C-alpha atoms as a PDB file:
ATOM      1  CA  MET A   1      -0.118   0.114  -0.177  1.00  0.00           C
ATOM      2  CA  LYS A   2       1.672   3.298  -1.102  1.00  0.00           C
ATOM      3  CA  ARG A   3      -0.057   6.863   0.354  1.00  0.00           C
ATOM      4  CA  ILE A   4       1.196   9.550  -1.046  1.00  0.00           C
ATOM      5  CA  PRO A   5      -0.609  12.282   0.419  1.00  0.00           C
ATOM      6  CA  ILE A   6      -1.277  15.589  -1.491  1.00  0.00           C
ATOM      7  CA  ILE A   7       0.194  18.002   1.277  1.00  0.00           C
ATOM      8  CA  ASP A   8       3.295  16.505   1.135  1.00  0.00           C
ATOM      9  CA  ILE A   9       3.901  16.774  -2.624  1.00  0.00           C
ATOM     10  CA  ARG A  10       2.816  20.293  -2.364  1.00  0.00           C
ATOM     11  CA  SER A  11       4.914  21.101   0.237  1.00  0.00           C
ATOM     12  CA  PHE A  12       7.452  19.698  -1.540  1.00  0.00           C
ATOM     13  CA  VAL A  13       7.217  21.700  -4.656  1.00  0.00           C
ATOM     14  CA  LEU A  14       6.975  25.057  -2.808  1.00  0.00           C
ATOM     15  CA  LEU A  15      10.035  24.034  -1.303  1.00  0.00           C
ATOM     16  CA  LEU A  16      11.509  23.523  -4.514  1.00  0.00           C
ATOM     17  CA  ILE A  17      10.505  26.668  -6.154  1.00  0.00           C
ATOM     18  CA  LEU A  18      11.850  28.526  -3.137  1.00  0.00           C
ATOM     19  CA  VAL A  19      15.317  26.924  -3.609  1.00  0.00           C
ATOM     20  CA  LEU A  20      14.884  27.394  -7.176  1.00  0.00           C
ATOM     21  CA  ILE A  21      14.450  31.279  -6.718  1.00  0.00           C
ATOM     22  CA  ILE A  22      16.972  31.992  -4.250  1.00  0.00           C
ATOM     23  CA  SER A  23      19.588  30.475  -6.369  1.00  0.00           C
ATOM     24  CA  PHE A  24      18.339  32.671  -9.342  1.00  0.00           C
ATOM     25  CA  VAL A  25      18.340  35.673  -7.261  1.00  0.00           C
ATOM     26  CA  ARG A  26      21.747  34.623  -6.114  1.00  0.00           C
ATOM     27  CA  LEU A  27      22.964  34.329  -9.589  1.00  0.00           C
ATOM     28  CA  TYR A  28      21.276  37.611 -10.533  1.00  0.00           C
ATOM     29  CA  SER A  29      23.224  39.779  -7.675  1.00  0.00           C
END
């Protein structure tokens, strides 16, 4: 039985986007 909670996926995606934005900002500045 594999249960993947939607909340976990959403939080993971949010974290990934945050890291991407931070790296992008650091690259630009």
